[in-house]
Amino acid sequence: MSITLAFDVYGTLIDTQGVVASLERIIGNKAGSFSQAWRDKQLEYSFRRGLMQNYVDFGICTSQALDYTCLQYKLPFTEEQKAGLLAGYGSLPPFGDVTEGLSRLQEAGFQLYAFSNGTKEAVGNLLETAGIGRFFHGVVSCDDIRTFKPNPAVYSHFLKESNSSGDTTWLVSSNPFDVIGAVSAGLCAAWVRRSGTAIFDPWDVEPTAIVRGLGELQDILPQS
């Protein structure tokens, strides 16, 4: 049985809080909370646009979320500062367990894909910059069908693009909404719970498995 793994990118492989260092140089000790508020608004905007069927790509959601967060914090960033922060989204670091975990899974014969709200170009460049692009068979982007996770259509799109089926495909994500979306669409899903304080939504939809990092995945997956 061949197992396909669909890896969420932002927040699962790549640490979106990697912008904190850049923010600290601008706003000091507000950087951590600002970064989280920016990330939360970025996702909110993707959800809202998906529901409204008023699509713009994920980069625009990210940019508009930054504008909102500046207003929320009453911080008049210059256009140059905003451009620098947005450029930083193209060179975010991977989490510490990612490179070794992906290497082990590739060597074990699993078929690995990156699966993201981001455009193929943005995600491809991000993975290469992070030094992990070589592990993936391909990138499947929600941009292809102009909507966002957790729309059921994006999981169907992944299965079509990867030529796989729901019972042999696992989504791997740190984002509970993504895990719930995948399970609801008939896929298996592993929730990556790196933080002991992370909460899974109490929706009566459970992850197929829970891991603390990518290094635990091989132990819970069916043999490929």
N, C-alpha and C. Protein backbone atom coordinates (compact mmCIF):
# COMPACT_ATOMS: atom_id res chain seq x y z
N MET A 1 0.85 -1.19 0.00
CA MET A 1 0.00 0.00 0.00
C MET A 1 0.88 1.24 0.00
N SER A 2 0.69 2.10 -0.98
CA SER A 2 1.47 3.32 -1.08
C SER A 2 0.77 4.45 -0.33
N ILE A 3 1.47 5.06 0.61
CA ILE A 3 0.91 6.13 1.42
C ILE A 3 1.40 7.48 0.91
N THR A 4 0.45 8.39 0.70
CA THR A 4 0.77 9.76 0.29
C THR A 4 0.61 10.68 1.49
N LEU A 5 1.59 11.54 1.69
CA LEU A 5 1.56 12.49 2.80
C LEU A 5 1.44 13.91 2.25
N ALA A 6 0.41 14.62 2.70
CA ALA A 6 0.15 16.00 2.28
C ALA A 6 0.53 16.92 3.44
N PHE A 7 1.64 17.62 3.31
CA PHE A 7 2.13 18.46 4.40
C PHE A 7 1.65 19.89 4.25
N ASP A 8 0.89 20.35 5.24
CA ASP A 8 0.63 21.77 5.33
C ASP A 8 1.98 22.47 5.50
N VAL A 9 2.08 23.70 5.01
CA VAL A 9 3.37 24.40 5.00
C VAL A 9 3.47 25.44 6.11
N TYR A 10 2.64 26.50 6.02
CA TYR A 10 2.73 27.60 6.98
C TYR A 10 2.21 27.16 8.34
N GLY A 11 3.08 27.17 9.33
CA GLY A 11 2.68 26.79 10.68
C GLY A 11 2.91 25.33 10.99
N THR A 12 3.21 24.51 9.98
CA THR A 12 3.47 23.09 10.19
C THR A 12 4.92 22.75 9.86
N LEU A 13 5.34 23.04 8.64
CA LEU A 13 6.74 22.87 8.26
C LEU A 13 7.54 24.14 8.55
N ILE A 14 6.92 25.26 8.26
CA ILE A 14 7.59 26.56 8.33
C ILE A 14 7.03 27.36 9.49
N ASP A 15 7.92 27.95 10.29
CA ASP A 15 7.53 28.69 11.49
C ASP A 15 7.17 30.12 11.12
N THR A 16 5.87 30.42 11.13
CA THR A 16 5.43 31.77 10.78
C THR A 16 5.87 32.81 11.82
N GLN A 17 6.25 32.34 13.00
CA GLN A 17 6.76 33.27 14.00
C GLN A 17 8.22 33.66 13.74
N GLY A 18 8.74 33.19 12.63
CA GLY A 18 10.09 33.56 12.23
C GLY A 18 10.24 35.03 11.89
N VAL A 19 9.11 35.73 11.77
CA VAL A 19 9.17 37.18 11.51
C VAL A 19 9.39 37.98 12.78
N VAL A 20 9.35 37.33 13.94
CA VAL A 20 9.44 38.07 15.21
C VAL A 20 10.74 38.86 15.32
N ALA A 21 11.85 38.25 14.89
CA ALA A 21 13.13 38.95 15.01
C ALA A 21 13.12 40.26 14.23
N SER A 22 12.55 40.23 13.02
CA SER A 22 12.46 41.45 12.23
C SER A 22 11.54 42.47 12.89
N LEU A 23 10.44 41.98 13.45
CA LEU A 23 9.51 42.87 14.13
C LEU A 23 10.12 43.50 15.38
N GLU A 24 10.95 42.73 16.08
CA GLU A 24 11.57 43.25 17.30
C GLU A 24 12.44 44.47 17.00
N ARG A 25 13.06 44.47 15.82
CA ARG A 25 13.90 45.61 15.46
C ARG A 25 13.08 46.87 15.21
N ILE A 26 11.77 46.68 14.98
CA ILE A 26 10.90 47.82 14.69
C ILE A 26 10.08 48.22 15.92
N ILE A 27 9.53 47.21 16.63
CA ILE A 27 8.56 47.52 17.70
C ILE A 27 8.93 46.90 19.05
N GLY A 28 10.11 46.33 19.16
CA GLY A 28 10.57 45.83 20.46
C GLY A 28 9.72 44.70 21.02
N ASN A 29 9.32 44.82 22.29
CA ASN A 29 8.68 43.70 22.99
C ASN A 29 7.23 43.45 22.57
N LYS A 30 6.71 44.25 21.67
CA LYS A 30 5.37 43.97 21.13
C LYS A 30 5.41 42.97 19.99
N ALA A 31 6.61 42.58 19.58
CA ALA A 31 6.77 41.79 18.36
C ALA A 31 6.04 40.45 18.41
N GLY A 32 6.13 39.75 19.53
CA GLY A 32 5.51 38.42 19.61
C GLY A 32 4.01 38.47 19.47
N SER A 33 3.37 39.36 20.19
CA SER A 33 1.90 39.44 20.13
C SER A 33 1.46 39.99 18.78
N PHE A 34 2.23 40.93 18.23
CA PHE A 34 1.91 41.47 16.90
C PHE A 34 1.97 40.37 15.85
N SER A 35 3.01 39.55 15.90
CA SER A 35 3.18 38.47 14.92
C SER A 35 2.02 37.48 14.98
N GLN A 36 1.58 37.13 16.20
CA GLN A 36 0.47 36.19 16.34
C GLN A 36 -0.83 36.80 15.84
N ALA A 37 -1.05 38.08 16.15
CA ALA A 37 -2.26 38.75 15.67
C ALA A 37 -2.27 38.82 14.14
N TRP A 38 -1.13 39.07 13.55
CA TRP A 38 -1.00 39.10 12.08
C TRP A 38 -1.34 37.74 11.50
N ARG A 39 -0.80 36.69 12.07
CA ARG A 39 -1.07 35.34 11.59
C ARG A 39 -2.56 35.00 11.73
N ASP A 40 -3.15 35.33 12.87
CA ASP A 40 -4.57 35.03 13.09
C ASP A 40 -5.45 35.76 12.06
N LYS A 41 -5.11 37.01 11.78
CA LYS A 41 -5.91 37.79 10.83
C LYS A 41 -5.69 37.28 9.41
N GLN A 42 -4.50 36.85 9.09
CA GLN A 42 -4.21 36.26 7.78
C GLN A 42 -5.13 35.07 7.52
N LEU A 43 -5.25 34.18 8.50
CA LEU A 43 -6.12 33.01 8.34
C LEU A 43 -7.58 33.43 8.30
N GLU A 44 -7.96 34.37 9.15
CA GLU A 44 -9.35 34.84 9.14
C GLU A 44 -9.72 35.38 7.76
N TYR A 45 -8.83 36.14 7.15
CA TYR A 45 -9.13 36.71 5.84
C TYR A 45 -9.27 35.60 4.78
N SER A 46 -8.45 34.55 4.88
CA SER A 46 -8.60 33.45 3.92
C SER A 46 -9.94 32.74 4.12
N PHE A 47 -10.36 32.53 5.38
CA PHE A 47 -11.65 31.91 5.65
C PHE A 47 -12.78 32.76 5.07
N ARG A 48 -12.72 34.06 5.35
CA ARG A 48 -13.80 34.94 4.91
C ARG A 48 -13.88 35.00 3.39
N ARG A 49 -12.74 35.09 2.74
CA ARG A 49 -12.76 35.17 1.28
C ARG A 49 -13.23 33.85 0.66
N GLY A 50 -12.88 32.74 1.30
CA GLY A 50 -13.37 31.46 0.81
C GLY A 50 -14.88 31.37 0.89
N LEU A 51 -15.45 31.81 2.00
CA LEU A 51 -16.91 31.78 2.17
C LEU A 51 -17.61 32.75 1.22
N MET A 52 -16.99 33.92 1.03
CA MET A 52 -17.59 34.94 0.17
C MET A 52 -17.42 34.63 -1.31
N GLN A 53 -16.53 33.68 -1.63
CA GLN A 53 -16.15 33.39 -3.02
C GLN A 53 -15.64 34.67 -3.70
N ASN A 54 -14.84 35.39 -2.94
CA ASN A 54 -14.22 36.63 -3.41
C ASN A 54 -12.71 36.45 -3.27
N TYR A 55 -12.14 35.69 -4.20
CA TYR A 55 -10.78 35.19 -4.04
C TYR A 55 -9.71 36.22 -4.38
N VAL A 56 -8.70 36.28 -3.53
CA VAL A 56 -7.40 36.87 -3.86
C VAL A 56 -6.37 35.86 -3.36
N ASP A 57 -5.15 35.93 -3.87
CA ASP A 57 -4.20 34.91 -3.44
C ASP A 57 -3.74 35.14 -2.00
N PHE A 58 -3.10 34.13 -1.45
CA PHE A 58 -2.75 34.14 -0.02
C PHE A 58 -1.79 35.26 0.32
N GLY A 59 -0.95 35.65 -0.62
CA GLY A 59 -0.04 36.76 -0.39
C GLY A 59 -0.78 38.06 -0.13
N ILE A 60 -1.89 38.27 -0.84
CA ILE A 60 -2.69 39.48 -0.60
C ILE A 60 -3.38 39.41 0.75
N CYS A 61 -3.88 38.23 1.12
CA CYS A 61 -4.44 38.06 2.47
C CYS A 61 -3.40 38.42 3.53
N THR A 62 -2.17 38.00 3.31
CA THR A 62 -1.09 38.27 4.25
C THR A 62 -0.80 39.77 4.33
N SER A 63 -0.76 40.42 3.19
CA SER A 63 -0.49 41.86 3.14
C SER A 63 -1.61 42.66 3.79
N GLN A 64 -2.85 42.32 3.49
CA GLN A 64 -3.97 43.04 4.08
C GLN A 64 -4.07 42.78 5.58
N ALA A 65 -3.71 41.58 6.01
CA ALA A 65 -3.69 41.27 7.44
C ALA A 65 -2.63 42.09 8.16
N LEU A 66 -1.50 42.33 7.50
CA LEU A 66 -0.47 43.19 8.08
C LEU A 66 -0.99 44.62 8.23
N ASP A 67 -1.66 45.12 7.19
CA ASP A 67 -2.24 46.47 7.29
C ASP A 67 -3.20 46.56 8.47
N TYR A 68 -4.05 45.55 8.61
CA TYR A 68 -5.03 45.54 9.72
C TYR A 68 -4.31 45.55 11.07
N THR A 69 -3.29 44.71 11.20
CA THR A 69 -2.61 44.60 12.50
C THR A 69 -1.89 45.89 12.86
N CYS A 70 -1.36 46.58 11.85
CA CYS A 70 -0.76 47.89 12.11
C CYS A 70 -1.80 48.86 12.66
N LEU A 71 -3.00 48.83 12.10
CA LEU A 71 -4.08 49.68 12.59
C LEU A 71 -4.50 49.27 14.01
N GLN A 72 -4.59 47.97 14.22
CA GLN A 72 -4.99 47.46 15.54
C GLN A 72 -4.01 47.91 16.63
N TYR A 73 -2.71 47.85 16.32
CA TYR A 73 -1.69 48.21 17.29
C TYR A 73 -1.31 49.69 17.24
N LYS A 74 -1.96 50.43 16.35
CA LYS A 74 -1.68 51.86 16.18
C LYS A 74 -0.19 52.10 15.92
N LEU A 75 0.34 51.30 14.97
CA LEU A 75 1.75 51.39 14.61
C LEU A 75 1.86 51.78 13.13
N PRO A 76 2.28 53.01 12.86
CA PRO A 76 2.34 53.48 11.47
C PRO A 76 3.63 53.02 10.77
N PHE A 77 3.70 51.73 10.43
CA PHE A 77 4.87 51.23 9.70
C PHE A 77 4.99 51.97 8.36
N THR A 78 6.21 52.20 7.92
CA THR A 78 6.43 52.77 6.60
C THR A 78 6.18 51.69 5.55
N GLU A 79 5.98 52.11 4.31
CA GLU A 79 5.79 51.15 3.23
C GLU A 79 7.04 50.28 3.07
N GLU A 80 8.20 50.87 3.31
CA GLU A 80 9.45 50.10 3.22
C GLU A 80 9.50 49.03 4.30
N GLN A 81 9.07 49.37 5.52
CA GLN A 81 9.05 48.37 6.59
C GLN A 81 8.07 47.25 6.29
N LYS A 82 6.90 47.60 5.78
CA LYS A 82 5.92 46.57 5.41
C LYS A 82 6.46 45.67 4.32
N ALA A 83 7.08 46.26 3.32
CA ALA A 83 7.64 45.47 2.22
C ALA A 83 8.71 44.51 2.74
N GLY A 84 9.51 44.97 3.69
CA GLY A 84 10.54 44.11 4.26
C GLY A 84 9.95 42.93 5.03
N LEU A 85 8.89 43.20 5.79
CA LEU A 85 8.24 42.13 6.54
C LEU A 85 7.59 41.10 5.61
N LEU A 86 6.94 41.59 4.56
CA LEU A 86 6.31 40.67 3.60
C LEU A 86 7.35 39.86 2.86
N ALA A 87 8.48 40.49 2.53
CA ALA A 87 9.57 39.74 1.89
C ALA A 87 10.08 38.66 2.82
N GLY A 88 10.06 38.95 4.13
CA GLY A 88 10.50 37.97 5.11
C GLY A 88 9.67 36.71 5.11
N TYR A 89 8.41 36.81 4.66
CA TYR A 89 7.56 35.62 4.57
C TYR A 89 8.08 34.63 3.53
N GLY A 90 8.96 35.09 2.67
CA GLY A 90 9.54 34.19 1.68
C GLY A 90 10.78 33.47 2.16
N SER A 91 11.24 33.79 3.37
CA SER A 91 12.44 33.15 3.89
C SER A 91 12.28 32.76 5.35
N LEU A 92 11.09 32.31 5.70
CA LEU A 92 10.82 31.86 7.06
C LEU A 92 11.55 30.54 7.32
N PRO A 93 11.93 30.28 8.57
CA PRO A 93 12.69 29.06 8.88
C PRO A 93 11.78 27.85 9.09
N PRO A 94 12.31 26.64 8.84
CA PRO A 94 11.57 25.44 9.20
C PRO A 94 11.66 25.18 10.70
N PHE A 95 10.69 24.48 11.24
CA PHE A 95 10.78 24.03 12.62
C PHE A 95 11.95 23.05 12.76
N GLY A 96 12.46 22.93 13.97
CA GLY A 96 13.68 22.16 14.19
C GLY A 96 13.58 20.68 13.87
N ASP A 97 12.38 20.11 13.92
CA ASP A 97 12.21 18.68 13.67
C ASP A 97 11.95 18.34 12.21
N VAL A 98 11.85 19.37 11.36
CA VAL A 98 11.33 19.17 10.00
C VAL A 98 12.30 18.47 9.07
N THR A 99 13.53 18.95 8.98
CA THR A 99 14.46 18.41 7.99
C THR A 99 14.73 16.93 8.22
N GLU A 100 15.05 16.55 9.45
CA GLU A 100 15.31 15.15 9.74
C GLU A 100 14.05 14.31 9.57
N GLY A 101 12.92 14.84 10.00
CA GLY A 101 11.66 14.09 9.88
C GLY A 101 11.29 13.81 8.44
N LEU A 102 11.41 14.81 7.57
CA LEU A 102 11.11 14.62 6.15
C LEU A 102 12.08 13.64 5.51
N SER A 103 13.34 13.74 5.88
CA SER A 103 14.35 12.84 5.32
C SER A 103 14.03 11.39 5.65
N ARG A 104 13.65 11.13 6.89
CA ARG A 104 13.32 9.77 7.31
C ARG A 104 12.10 9.24 6.55
N LEU A 105 11.11 10.10 6.38
CA LEU A 105 9.88 9.67 5.69
C LEU A 105 10.15 9.41 4.22
N GLN A 106 10.97 10.24 3.59
CA GLN A 106 11.32 10.02 2.19
C GLN A 106 12.08 8.70 2.03
N GLU A 107 13.04 8.46 2.90
CA GLU A 107 13.82 7.23 2.84
C GLU A 107 12.96 5.99 3.07
N ALA A 108 11.90 6.14 3.86
CA ALA A 108 11.00 5.01 4.15
C ALA A 108 10.05 4.73 2.99
N GLY A 109 10.05 5.57 1.95
CA GLY A 109 9.24 5.29 0.77
C GLY A 109 7.90 5.98 0.70
N PHE A 110 7.61 6.88 1.62
CA PHE A 110 6.37 7.63 1.54
C PHE A 110 6.47 8.70 0.45
N GLN A 111 5.35 8.99 -0.19
CA GLN A 111 5.32 10.02 -1.22
C GLN A 111 4.91 11.33 -0.57
N LEU A 112 5.78 12.31 -0.61
CA LEU A 112 5.59 13.56 0.13
C LEU A 112 5.21 14.71 -0.82
N TYR A 113 4.15 15.42 -0.43
CA TYR A 113 3.73 16.62 -1.16
C TYR A 113 3.61 17.78 -0.17
N ALA A 114 3.90 18.97 -0.64
CA ALA A 114 3.54 20.19 0.08
C ALA A 114 2.15 20.60 -0.37
N PHE A 115 1.30 20.99 0.57
CA PHE A 115 -0.11 21.28 0.28
C PHE A 115 -0.49 22.54 1.02
N SER A 116 -0.73 23.62 0.29
CA SER A 116 -0.77 24.92 0.94
C SER A 116 -1.79 25.88 0.34
N ASN A 117 -2.22 26.83 1.17
CA ASN A 117 -3.00 27.97 0.68
C ASN A 117 -2.16 28.87 -0.22
N GLY A 118 -0.85 28.87 -0.03
CA GLY A 118 0.03 29.73 -0.81
C GLY A 118 0.12 29.30 -2.26
N THR A 119 0.53 30.22 -3.12
CA THR A 119 0.70 29.88 -4.53
C THR A 119 1.87 28.91 -4.70
N LYS A 120 1.86 28.18 -5.81
CA LYS A 120 2.94 27.22 -6.06
C LYS A 120 4.30 27.91 -6.07
N GLU A 121 4.36 29.08 -6.70
CA GLU A 121 5.63 29.79 -6.78
C GLU A 121 6.12 30.22 -5.41
N ALA A 122 5.23 30.81 -4.61
CA ALA A 122 5.62 31.27 -3.28
C ALA A 122 6.05 30.11 -2.40
N VAL A 123 5.27 29.02 -2.43
CA VAL A 123 5.58 27.86 -1.59
C VAL A 123 6.86 27.17 -2.06
N GLY A 124 7.00 27.02 -3.37
CA GLY A 124 8.21 26.40 -3.90
C GLY A 124 9.46 27.15 -3.51
N ASN A 125 9.42 28.47 -3.64
CA ASN A 125 10.56 29.29 -3.25
C ASN A 125 10.84 29.21 -1.76
N LEU A 126 9.76 29.21 -0.96
CA LEU A 126 9.91 29.13 0.49
C LEU A 126 10.57 27.82 0.91
N LEU A 127 10.13 26.72 0.32
CA LEU A 127 10.69 25.41 0.66
C LEU A 127 12.16 25.31 0.26
N GLU A 128 12.49 25.86 -0.90
CA GLU A 128 13.88 25.84 -1.35
C GLU A 128 14.76 26.68 -0.44
N THR A 129 14.28 27.87 -0.08
CA THR A 129 15.04 28.74 0.81
C THR A 129 15.26 28.10 2.17
N ALA A 130 14.26 27.34 2.62
CA ALA A 130 14.36 26.65 3.91
C ALA A 130 15.20 25.38 3.82
N GLY A 131 15.61 24.99 2.61
CA GLY A 131 16.45 23.82 2.43
C GLY A 131 15.73 22.50 2.47
N ILE A 132 14.40 22.52 2.25
CA ILE A 132 13.64 21.26 2.34
C ILE A 132 12.87 20.93 1.06
N GLY A 133 13.06 21.72 0.02
CA GLY A 133 12.33 21.48 -1.21
C GLY A 133 12.61 20.13 -1.84
N ARG A 134 13.81 19.60 -1.62
CA ARG A 134 14.22 18.34 -2.25
C ARG A 134 13.43 17.14 -1.79
N PHE A 135 12.72 17.27 -0.69
CA PHE A 135 12.00 16.11 -0.15
C PHE A 135 10.65 15.88 -0.81
N PHE A 136 10.17 16.84 -1.59
CA PHE A 136 8.78 16.79 -2.04
C PHE A 136 8.65 16.37 -3.50
N HIS A 137 7.66 15.51 -3.71
CA HIS A 137 7.33 15.08 -5.06
C HIS A 137 6.70 16.22 -5.85
N GLY A 138 6.05 17.15 -5.15
CA GLY A 138 5.44 18.30 -5.81
C GLY A 138 4.77 19.21 -4.81
N VAL A 139 4.27 20.33 -5.30
CA VAL A 139 3.50 21.29 -4.51
C VAL A 139 2.08 21.34 -5.06
N VAL A 140 1.10 21.15 -4.19
CA VAL A 140 -0.31 21.30 -4.58
C VAL A 140 -0.83 22.55 -3.88
N SER A 141 -1.32 23.49 -4.66
CA SER A 141 -1.75 24.78 -4.13
C SER A 141 -3.25 24.95 -4.25
N CYS A 142 -3.87 25.49 -3.19
CA CYS A 142 -5.29 25.84 -3.23
C CYS A 142 -5.55 26.95 -4.24
N ASP A 143 -4.52 27.69 -4.58
CA ASP A 143 -4.64 28.76 -5.58
C ASP A 143 -5.11 28.21 -6.93
N ASP A 144 -4.81 26.94 -7.19
CA ASP A 144 -5.22 26.33 -8.47
C ASP A 144 -6.72 26.41 -8.68
N ILE A 145 -7.48 26.31 -7.58
CA ILE A 145 -8.94 26.33 -7.70
C ILE A 145 -9.55 27.55 -7.01
N ARG A 146 -8.70 28.51 -6.68
CA ARG A 146 -9.11 29.83 -6.21
C ARG A 146 -10.03 29.78 -4.98
N THR A 147 -9.58 29.03 -4.01
CA THR A 147 -10.24 29.02 -2.70
C THR A 147 -9.22 28.60 -1.67
N PHE A 148 -9.64 28.40 -0.44
CA PHE A 148 -8.71 28.12 0.65
C PHE A 148 -9.18 26.95 1.50
N LYS A 149 -8.23 26.35 2.23
CA LYS A 149 -8.59 25.40 3.27
C LYS A 149 -9.49 26.12 4.28
N PRO A 150 -10.48 25.42 4.87
CA PRO A 150 -10.78 24.00 4.78
C PRO A 150 -11.94 23.67 3.84
N ASN A 151 -12.11 24.41 2.75
CA ASN A 151 -13.12 24.07 1.75
C ASN A 151 -12.92 22.62 1.31
N PRO A 152 -13.97 21.78 1.33
CA PRO A 152 -13.80 20.39 0.91
C PRO A 152 -13.20 20.24 -0.48
N ALA A 153 -13.42 21.23 -1.34
CA ALA A 153 -12.91 21.14 -2.70
C ALA A 153 -11.39 21.08 -2.76
N VAL A 154 -10.71 21.70 -1.77
CA VAL A 154 -9.25 21.71 -1.85
C VAL A 154 -8.67 20.33 -1.55
N TYR A 155 -9.33 19.56 -0.70
CA TYR A 155 -8.84 18.21 -0.39
C TYR A 155 -9.11 17.27 -1.57
N SER A 156 -10.24 17.46 -2.24
CA SER A 156 -10.50 16.71 -3.47
C SER A 156 -9.47 17.06 -4.54
N HIS A 157 -9.13 18.35 -4.61
CA HIS A 157 -8.13 18.80 -5.57
C HIS A 157 -6.78 18.14 -5.28
N PHE A 158 -6.43 18.04 -4.02
CA PHE A 158 -5.16 17.39 -3.68
C PHE A 158 -5.16 15.94 -4.14
N LEU A 159 -6.24 15.21 -3.86
CA LEU A 159 -6.30 13.80 -4.25
C LEU A 159 -6.17 13.65 -5.77
N LYS A 160 -6.80 14.53 -6.49
CA LYS A 160 -6.71 14.48 -7.96
C LYS A 160 -5.30 14.76 -8.43
N GLU A 161 -4.69 15.82 -7.89
CA GLU A 161 -3.35 16.22 -8.34
C GLU A 161 -2.29 15.19 -7.96
N SER A 162 -2.46 14.52 -6.84
CA SER A 162 -1.47 13.55 -6.38
C SER A 162 -1.81 12.13 -6.83
N ASN A 163 -2.94 11.98 -7.52
CA ASN A 163 -3.39 10.67 -8.01
C ASN A 163 -3.45 9.67 -6.86
N SER A 164 -4.08 10.10 -5.77
CA SER A 164 -4.17 9.26 -4.59
C SER A 164 -5.62 9.18 -4.12
N SER A 165 -5.86 8.35 -3.12
CA SER A 165 -7.22 8.18 -2.59
C SER A 165 -7.23 8.54 -1.11
N GLY A 166 -8.42 8.86 -0.61
CA GLY A 166 -8.54 9.33 0.76
C GLY A 166 -8.06 8.33 1.80
N ASP A 167 -8.27 7.04 1.56
CA ASP A 167 -7.91 6.05 2.58
C ASP A 167 -6.41 5.77 2.63
N THR A 168 -5.66 6.24 1.63
CA THR A 168 -4.21 6.07 1.65
C THR A 168 -3.47 7.41 1.68
N THR A 169 -4.20 8.47 2.02
CA THR A 169 -3.62 9.81 2.06
C THR A 169 -3.76 10.40 3.45
N TRP A 170 -2.66 10.90 3.97
CA TRP A 170 -2.65 11.54 5.28
C TRP A 170 -2.29 13.01 5.13
N LEU A 171 -3.14 13.89 5.64
CA LEU A 171 -2.75 15.27 5.83
C LEU A 171 -1.92 15.35 7.10
N VAL A 172 -0.86 16.15 7.07
CA VAL A 172 -0.04 16.41 8.25
C VAL A 172 -0.07 17.91 8.50
N SER A 173 -0.65 18.33 9.63
CA SER A 173 -0.83 19.76 9.87
C SER A 173 -0.83 20.08 11.36
N SER A 174 -0.31 21.25 11.68
CA SER A 174 -0.41 21.77 13.05
C SER A 174 -1.68 22.58 13.26
N ASN A 175 -2.41 22.83 12.19
CA ASN A 175 -3.60 23.67 12.24
C ASN A 175 -4.86 22.82 12.41
N PRO A 176 -5.53 22.89 13.57
CA PRO A 176 -6.71 22.05 13.78
C PRO A 176 -7.78 22.21 12.70
N PHE A 177 -7.99 23.43 12.18
CA PHE A 177 -9.03 23.61 11.16
C PHE A 177 -8.70 22.80 9.91
N ASP A 178 -7.43 22.65 9.61
CA ASP A 178 -6.99 21.89 8.44
C ASP A 178 -7.19 20.39 8.67
N VAL A 179 -6.85 19.94 9.87
CA VAL A 179 -7.05 18.52 10.22
C VAL A 179 -8.53 18.17 10.16
N ILE A 180 -9.37 19.01 10.75
CA ILE A 180 -10.82 18.76 10.73
C ILE A 180 -11.34 18.77 9.30
N GLY A 181 -10.86 19.70 8.50
CA GLY A 181 -11.28 19.75 7.10
C GLY A 181 -10.91 18.50 6.34
N ALA A 182 -9.70 18.00 6.56
CA ALA A 182 -9.25 16.81 5.85
C ALA A 182 -10.03 15.56 6.28
N VAL A 183 -10.21 15.39 7.59
CA VAL A 183 -10.96 14.24 8.09
C VAL A 183 -12.40 14.29 7.58
N SER A 184 -12.99 15.47 7.58
CA SER A 184 -14.37 15.63 7.09
C SER A 184 -14.47 15.30 5.60
N ALA A 185 -13.36 15.48 4.88
CA ALA A 185 -13.36 15.20 3.44
C ALA A 185 -12.95 13.77 3.12
N GLY A 186 -12.73 12.95 4.16
CA GLY A 186 -12.45 11.54 3.94
C GLY A 186 -11.00 11.14 3.95
N LEU A 187 -10.09 12.06 4.31
CA LEU A 187 -8.67 11.75 4.41
C LEU A 187 -8.34 11.35 5.85
N CYS A 188 -7.21 10.71 6.03
CA CYS A 188 -6.63 10.56 7.35
C CYS A 188 -5.86 11.84 7.66
N ALA A 189 -5.62 12.11 8.95
CA ALA A 189 -4.92 13.35 9.28
C ALA A 189 -4.18 13.21 10.60
N ALA A 190 -2.92 13.65 10.59
CA ALA A 190 -2.11 13.70 11.80
C ALA A 190 -1.99 15.15 12.25
N TRP A 191 -2.35 15.39 13.50
CA TRP A 191 -2.20 16.72 14.08
C TRP A 191 -0.83 16.81 14.73
N VAL A 192 -0.04 17.77 14.30
CA VAL A 192 1.29 17.99 14.88
C VAL A 192 1.14 18.98 16.03
N ARG A 193 1.21 18.48 17.24
CA ARG A 193 0.99 19.29 18.45
C ARG A 193 2.34 19.53 19.13
N ARG A 194 3.08 20.50 18.63
CA ARG A 194 4.41 20.76 19.18
C ARG A 194 4.33 21.40 20.57
N SER A 195 3.28 22.13 20.84
CA SER A 195 3.12 22.80 22.12
C SER A 195 2.09 22.08 22.98
N GLY A 196 2.44 21.88 24.23
CA GLY A 196 1.51 21.23 25.14
C GLY A 196 0.29 22.07 25.46
N THR A 197 0.34 23.35 25.13
CA THR A 197 -0.80 24.23 25.39
C THR A 197 -1.73 24.35 24.18
N ALA A 198 -1.35 23.75 23.05
CA ALA A 198 -2.20 23.82 21.85
C ALA A 198 -3.52 23.09 22.09
N ILE A 199 -4.60 23.68 21.61
CA ILE A 199 -5.95 23.13 21.83
C ILE A 199 -6.56 22.72 20.51
N PHE A 200 -7.15 21.53 20.49
CA PHE A 200 -7.85 21.06 19.30
C PHE A 200 -9.33 21.40 19.44
N ASP A 201 -9.93 21.89 18.38
CA ASP A 201 -11.32 22.32 18.44
C ASP A 201 -12.24 21.17 18.85
N PRO A 202 -13.13 21.40 19.83
CA PRO A 202 -14.04 20.34 20.30
C PRO A 202 -15.26 20.20 19.40
N TRP A 203 -15.03 19.67 18.21
CA TRP A 203 -16.08 19.57 17.19
C TRP A 203 -16.59 18.15 16.98
N ASP A 204 -16.19 17.22 17.83
CA ASP A 204 -16.54 15.80 17.64
C ASP A 204 -15.96 15.26 16.34
N VAL A 205 -14.88 15.87 15.87
CA VAL A 205 -14.10 15.35 14.74
C VAL A 205 -12.66 15.27 15.24
N GLU A 206 -12.13 14.07 15.35
CA GLU A 206 -10.82 13.88 15.96
C GLU A 206 -9.75 13.61 14.90
N PRO A 207 -8.50 13.98 15.19
CA PRO A 207 -7.41 13.59 14.29
C PRO A 207 -7.28 12.07 14.25
N THR A 208 -6.80 11.57 13.15
CA THR A 208 -6.51 10.13 13.07
C THR A 208 -5.39 9.78 14.04
N ALA A 209 -4.44 10.70 14.20
CA ALA A 209 -3.32 10.51 15.12
C ALA A 209 -2.81 11.88 15.56
N ILE A 210 -2.12 11.89 16.70
CA ILE A 210 -1.49 13.11 17.22
C ILE A 210 -0.01 12.83 17.43
N VAL A 211 0.84 13.72 16.95
CA VAL A 211 2.29 13.58 17.14
C VAL A 211 2.83 14.89 17.69
N ARG A 212 3.98 14.82 18.34
CA ARG A 212 4.61 16.02 18.89
C ARG A 212 5.61 16.65 17.92
N GLY A 213 5.91 15.93 16.86
CA GLY A 213 6.83 16.43 15.85
C GLY A 213 6.90 15.45 14.70
N LEU A 214 7.55 15.86 13.61
CA LEU A 214 7.59 15.00 12.43
C LEU A 214 8.36 13.71 12.67
N GLY A 215 9.24 13.72 13.65
CA GLY A 215 10.01 12.52 13.94
C GLY A 215 9.17 11.36 14.44
N GLU A 216 7.95 11.63 14.90
CA GLU A 216 7.07 10.56 15.39
C GLU A 216 6.17 10.00 14.31
N LEU A 217 6.13 10.64 13.14
CA LEU A 217 5.17 10.23 12.12
C LEU A 217 5.38 8.80 11.64
N GLN A 218 6.61 8.43 11.38
CA GLN A 218 6.87 7.11 10.82
C GLN A 218 6.36 6.00 11.71
N ASP A 219 6.34 6.25 13.02
CA ASP A 219 5.91 5.23 13.97
C ASP A 219 4.40 5.01 13.96
N ILE A 220 3.63 6.00 13.51
CA ILE A 220 2.17 5.86 13.57
C ILE A 220 1.54 5.63 12.19
N LEU A 221 2.33 5.77 11.14
CA LEU A 221 1.78 5.60 9.79
C LEU A 221 1.80 4.14 9.37
N PRO A 222 0.81 3.71 8.54
CA PRO A 222 0.91 2.38 7.95
C PRO A 222 2.17 2.27 7.11
N GLN A 223 2.72 1.10 7.01
CA GLN A 223 3.94 0.91 6.23
C GLN A 223 3.65 1.13 4.75
N SER A 224 4.48 1.97 4.12
CA SER A 224 4.30 2.28 2.71
C SER A 224 4.80 1.14 1.84
